[in-house]
Amino acid sequence: MKTASEPIFNVPPVVTTILVTLVVIHAVREFALSPRADVALLLRFAFIPARYEATPLVQGAYPGGVAAGVWTFVTYALLHGDWVHLGLNSVWFLAFGTPVACRFGPGRFLAFFAATAAAGAVIHLATHGGDTLPMIGASAAISGCMAAAIRFVFQANGPLGLLAGHDGSANTVPAASLATALRDPRIVAFLAVWFGLNLLFGLGSVAISTEGQAVAWQAHVGGFLAGLLGFWAFDPIGQTPPPDARRPDAATTQPHSH
């Protein structure tokens, strides 16, 4: 009996939808909007720290009012500086967003994407108070996906395991607890490299900016920490139980209290 082969690339529809949305938005900005209209769009949907200043000169200076002060914590992630910026983010989003979306499901994944993007904006606001330069790009949310992925991809039979299957079950293995993950040398090495690169961005030793735009590395850190620490709030699978809880005789060997 012949069985159907699994596709090499099994990208969840929610990831594809987000990527198509990002491309369409940037194409409209690039080919359909005038420079003036594009600036107006950025002022309404990009994240601008100065919007939250309480001085009379700033209040009412940006379109959208109070509502824009809320939605821009997420909508900035749908905008990109140029095609290179969008392309790089798309590659990383495919790599790390795919396993996380397979595990979370579309609803949880969209909420996770929004939450990590917002966390990145919060940290950017805290470190760039009063800045009038708009912040755009999905990097904070993608950083959150990276952090979420390391909680389960290194697990036995997980996506990176030698015995991992190709039926999607590798993405549903129990996640490592945060304490366990931080003792895994592979995860520690990943964290060291990731934070080291972002520190270099901050010191100006490494520049991957496009069209003269600076890398908002603090937002990356905010999204990453939100994904790492908040993973449990979105994960429908759960964590690996402690060793004692997995022992068949645990119930009979533990003392009873009366």
Protein backbone atom coordinates (compact mmCIF):
# COMPACT_ATOMS: atom_id res chain seq x y z
CA MET A 1 0.00 0.00 0.00
CA LYS A 2 1.51 3.32 -1.05
CA THR A 3 1.47 6.12 1.48
CA ALA A 4 1.57 9.79 0.63
CA SER A 5 4.92 11.42 1.26
CA GLU A 6 5.14 14.37 3.59
CA PRO A 7 6.13 17.69 2.04
CA ILE A 8 9.68 18.85 2.64
CA PHE A 9 8.45 22.28 3.66
CA ASN A 10 5.33 22.20 5.82
CA VAL A 11 4.68 25.89 6.48
CA PRO A 12 1.52 26.51 8.53
CA PRO A 13 -1.11 28.68 6.82
CA VAL A 14 -0.86 31.31 9.58
CA VAL A 15 2.84 31.81 8.82
CA THR A 16 2.16 32.01 5.09
CA THR A 17 -0.65 34.50 5.69
CA ILE A 18 1.57 36.76 7.79
CA LEU A 19 4.35 36.64 5.20
CA VAL A 20 1.96 37.44 2.34
CA THR A 21 0.53 40.31 4.40
CA LEU A 22 4.01 41.74 4.98
CA VAL A 23 4.85 41.52 1.27
CA VAL A 24 1.56 43.07 0.15
CA ILE A 25 1.89 45.96 2.62
CA HIS A 26 5.42 46.72 1.50
CA ALA A 27 4.50 46.42 -2.18
CA VAL A 28 1.66 48.91 -1.70
CA ARG A 29 4.01 51.32 0.04
CA GLU A 30 6.66 50.88 -2.62
CA PHE A 31 4.56 51.02 -5.77
CA ALA A 32 1.17 52.56 -4.96
CA LEU A 33 1.75 55.30 -2.39
CA SER A 34 3.33 58.67 -2.99
CA PRO A 35 6.21 59.63 -0.68
CA ARG A 36 3.90 61.95 1.20
CA ALA A 37 1.24 59.26 1.63
CA ASP A 38 3.88 56.80 2.80
CA VAL A 39 5.07 59.24 5.47
CA ALA A 40 1.47 59.66 6.60
CA LEU A 41 1.13 55.88 6.86
CA LEU A 42 4.31 55.64 8.94
CA LEU A 43 3.12 58.38 11.28
CA ARG A 44 -0.12 56.48 11.82
CA PHE A 45 1.14 52.88 12.12
CA ALA A 46 4.87 52.91 13.00
CA PHE A 47 5.98 52.94 16.63
CA ILE A 48 7.17 56.44 17.58
CA PRO A 49 8.27 56.95 21.21
CA ALA A 50 7.60 60.70 21.01
CA ARG A 51 3.88 59.92 20.58
CA TYR A 52 3.76 59.09 24.29
CA GLU A 53 5.27 62.35 25.51
CA ALA A 54 2.88 64.40 27.62
CA THR A 55 4.12 67.82 26.49
CA PRO A 56 1.57 70.08 24.76
CA LEU A 57 3.78 70.32 21.66
CA VAL A 58 3.61 66.57 21.14
CA GLN A 59 -0.01 65.91 22.09
CA GLY A 60 -2.03 65.73 18.88
CA ALA A 61 1.05 65.98 16.67
CA TYR A 62 0.66 62.41 15.41
CA PRO A 63 -2.40 61.07 13.57
CA GLY A 64 -4.59 58.36 15.02
CA GLY A 65 -5.01 59.80 18.49
CA VAL A 66 -5.32 57.52 21.49
CA ALA A 67 -6.21 54.49 19.36
CA ALA A 68 -2.97 54.78 17.40
CA GLY A 69 -1.14 54.93 20.71
CA VAL A 70 -2.44 51.42 21.32
CA TRP A 71 -2.33 49.73 17.90
CA THR A 72 1.17 50.95 17.01
CA PHE A 73 2.57 48.61 19.68
CA VAL A 74 1.80 45.87 17.13
CA THR A 75 1.27 47.47 13.71
CA TYR A 76 4.87 48.65 13.48
CA ALA A 77 5.82 44.98 13.03
CA LEU A 78 3.92 44.88 9.72
CA LEU A 79 6.10 47.59 8.15
CA HIS A 80 9.66 47.28 6.82
CA GLY A 81 12.37 49.65 5.66
CA ASP A 82 13.06 48.04 2.28
CA TRP A 83 12.98 44.73 0.44
CA VAL A 84 16.26 43.57 1.99
CA HIS A 85 14.90 44.23 5.48
CA LEU A 86 11.72 42.35 4.62
CA GLY A 87 13.61 39.49 2.97
CA LEU A 88 15.93 38.90 5.92
CA ASN A 89 13.05 38.95 8.38
CA SER A 90 11.03 36.59 6.18
CA VAL A 91 13.81 33.98 6.15
CA TRP A 92 14.17 34.04 9.93
CA PHE A 93 10.40 34.03 10.38
CA LEU A 94 10.05 30.94 8.20
CA ALA A 95 12.78 29.14 10.12
CA PHE A 96 11.58 29.89 13.65
CA GLY A 97 7.94 30.85 13.21
CA THR A 98 7.06 27.57 11.48
CA PRO A 99 7.75 25.16 14.39
CA VAL A 100 6.20 27.55 16.91
CA ALA A 101 3.05 28.01 14.80
CA CYS A 102 2.77 24.24 14.31
CA ARG A 103 2.87 23.83 18.08
CA PHE A 104 0.66 26.76 19.14
CA GLY A 105 -1.98 26.70 16.42
CA PRO A 106 -3.09 29.82 14.50
CA GLY A 107 -5.00 31.64 17.25
CA ARG A 108 -2.34 31.26 19.92
CA PHE A 109 0.40 32.04 17.42
CA LEU A 110 -1.20 35.31 16.33
CA ALA A 111 -1.59 36.30 19.99
CA PHE A 112 2.04 35.34 20.62
CA PHE A 113 3.21 37.35 17.59
CA ALA A 114 1.32 40.42 18.85
CA ALA A 115 2.49 40.01 22.44
CA THR A 116 6.18 39.69 21.57
CA ALA A 117 5.96 42.60 19.14
CA ALA A 118 4.37 44.71 21.87
CA ALA A 119 7.05 43.65 24.36
CA GLY A 120 9.70 44.83 21.92
CA ALA A 121 7.94 48.17 21.59
CA VAL A 122 7.75 48.55 25.38
CA ILE A 123 11.50 48.06 25.77
CA HIS A 124 12.17 50.41 22.85
CA LEU A 125 9.98 53.05 24.47
CA ALA A 126 11.75 52.62 27.79
CA THR A 127 15.16 53.12 26.17
CA HIS A 128 14.21 55.76 23.56
CA GLY A 129 11.81 58.05 25.39
CA GLY A 130 10.92 61.11 23.31
CA ASP A 131 12.58 59.77 20.14
CA THR A 132 10.85 61.02 17.00
CA LEU A 133 12.30 58.34 14.71
CA PRO A 134 9.74 55.65 13.84
CA MET A 135 10.54 52.01 14.59
CA ILE A 136 9.36 49.40 12.09
CA GLY A 137 9.97 45.71 11.40
CA ALA A 138 8.92 42.29 12.69
CA SER A 139 12.27 41.52 14.32
CA ALA A 140 10.96 41.66 17.90
CA ALA A 141 8.22 39.13 17.15
CA ILE A 142 10.71 36.95 15.26
CA SER A 143 13.06 37.12 18.23
CA GLY A 144 10.16 35.93 20.35
CA CYS A 145 9.71 32.97 18.00
CA MET A 146 13.41 32.14 18.35
CA ALA A 147 13.09 32.13 22.14
CA ALA A 148 9.94 30.01 22.07
CA ALA A 149 11.50 27.51 19.68
CA ILE A 150 14.50 26.78 21.88
CA ARG A 151 12.12 25.66 24.64
CA PHE A 152 11.23 22.52 22.67
CA VAL A 153 13.30 22.02 19.47
CA PHE A 154 16.25 20.57 21.40
CA GLN A 155 14.09 18.09 23.29
CA ALA A 156 14.39 14.34 22.65
CA ASN A 157 12.35 13.52 19.52
CA GLY A 158 11.94 17.25 18.93
CA PRO A 159 12.46 18.98 15.57
CA LEU A 160 16.26 18.84 15.93
CA GLY A 161 16.38 15.32 17.33
CA LEU A 162 17.95 12.54 15.28
CA LEU A 163 14.84 10.39 15.64
CA ALA A 164 12.38 13.20 14.93
CA GLY A 165 9.54 12.20 12.67
CA HIS A 166 8.26 14.14 9.69
CA ASP A 167 4.57 13.93 10.57
CA GLY A 168 4.51 17.05 12.71
CA SER A 169 4.74 15.17 16.01
CA ALA A 170 8.25 16.54 16.62
CA ASN A 171 6.73 19.96 17.29
CA THR A 172 4.43 18.57 20.00
CA VAL A 173 7.03 17.10 22.38
CA PRO A 174 6.78 18.38 25.96
CA ALA A 175 8.79 21.56 26.39
CA ALA A 176 11.74 21.91 28.72
CA SER A 177 11.12 23.98 31.81
CA LEU A 178 12.95 27.29 31.87
CA ALA A 179 15.32 26.03 34.56
CA THR A 180 16.10 22.90 32.55
CA ALA A 181 16.53 24.87 29.33
CA LEU A 182 19.03 27.21 30.97
CA ARG A 183 21.15 24.19 31.96
CA ASP A 184 21.30 22.80 28.43
CA PRO A 185 24.72 23.67 26.90
CA ARG A 186 23.20 23.98 23.41
CA ILE A 187 20.63 26.49 24.59
CA VAL A 188 23.19 28.39 26.65
CA ALA A 189 25.43 28.60 23.56
CA PHE A 190 22.50 29.85 21.45
CA LEU A 191 21.66 32.49 24.06
CA ALA A 192 25.29 33.60 24.29
CA VAL A 193 25.58 34.04 20.52
CA TRP A 194 22.19 35.75 20.21
CA PHE A 195 22.73 38.24 23.03
CA GLY A 196 26.35 38.76 21.94
CA LEU A 197 25.30 39.75 18.44
CA ASN A 198 22.68 42.15 19.77
CA LEU A 199 25.27 43.67 22.10
CA LEU A 200 27.49 44.25 19.07
CA PHE A 201 24.56 45.95 17.33
CA GLY A 202 24.20 48.23 20.34
CA LEU A 203 27.90 49.07 20.46
CA GLY A 204 27.93 49.81 16.75
CA SER A 205 30.52 47.14 15.93
CA VAL A 206 28.09 45.33 13.63
CA ALA A 207 25.72 47.16 11.31
CA ILE A 208 22.97 45.38 9.38
CA SER A 209 20.87 48.46 8.90
CA THR A 210 19.28 49.35 5.58
CA GLU A 211 18.90 52.78 4.05
CA GLY A 212 20.76 54.27 6.99
CA GLN A 213 18.33 52.89 9.56
CA ALA A 214 19.73 51.82 12.92
CA VAL A 215 19.02 48.37 14.32
CA ALA A 216 16.50 48.58 17.18
CA TRP A 217 18.33 45.90 19.16
CA GLN A 218 16.59 46.74 22.44
CA ALA A 219 13.29 45.76 20.83
CA HIS A 220 14.86 42.46 19.77
CA VAL A 221 15.79 41.79 23.39
CA GLY A 222 12.29 42.71 24.58
CA GLY A 223 10.65 40.32 22.11
CA PHE A 224 13.13 37.55 22.91
CA LEU A 225 12.65 37.79 26.67
CA ALA A 226 8.88 37.87 26.25
CA GLY A 227 9.02 34.71 24.13
CA LEU A 228 11.37 32.95 26.52
CA LEU A 229 9.60 33.85 29.76
CA GLY A 230 6.03 33.96 28.45
CA PHE A 231 6.20 30.73 26.44
CA TRP A 232 4.13 28.83 29.03
CA ALA A 233 1.18 31.19 28.62
CA PHE A 234 0.71 30.18 24.96
CA ASP A 235 1.95 26.59 24.90
CA PRO A 236 -0.94 24.09 24.71
CA ILE A 237 1.31 21.03 25.14
CA GLY A 238 2.95 21.54 28.52
CA GLN A 239 6.36 20.84 29.98
CA THR A 240 8.29 17.66 30.61
CA PRO A 241 7.33 16.46 34.11
CA PRO A 242 10.05 16.26 36.76
CA PRO A 243 11.94 12.92 36.89
CA ASP A 244 10.17 11.80 40.09
CA ALA A 245 6.77 12.40 38.54
CA ARG A 246 7.67 10.14 35.59
CA ARG A 247 8.59 7.14 37.78
CA PRO A 248 5.88 4.43 37.69
CA ASP A 249 6.24 3.79 41.41
CA ALA A 250 6.23 7.45 42.43
CA ALA A 251 2.74 7.20 43.91
CA THR A 252 3.65 4.17 46.07
CA THR A 253 7.04 5.32 47.26
CA GLN A 254 6.06 8.81 48.35
CA PRO A 255 4.97 9.14 52.01
CA HIS A 256 1.37 9.99 52.70
CA SER A 257 0.48 12.80 55.04
CA HIS A 258 -2.49 12.53 57.39
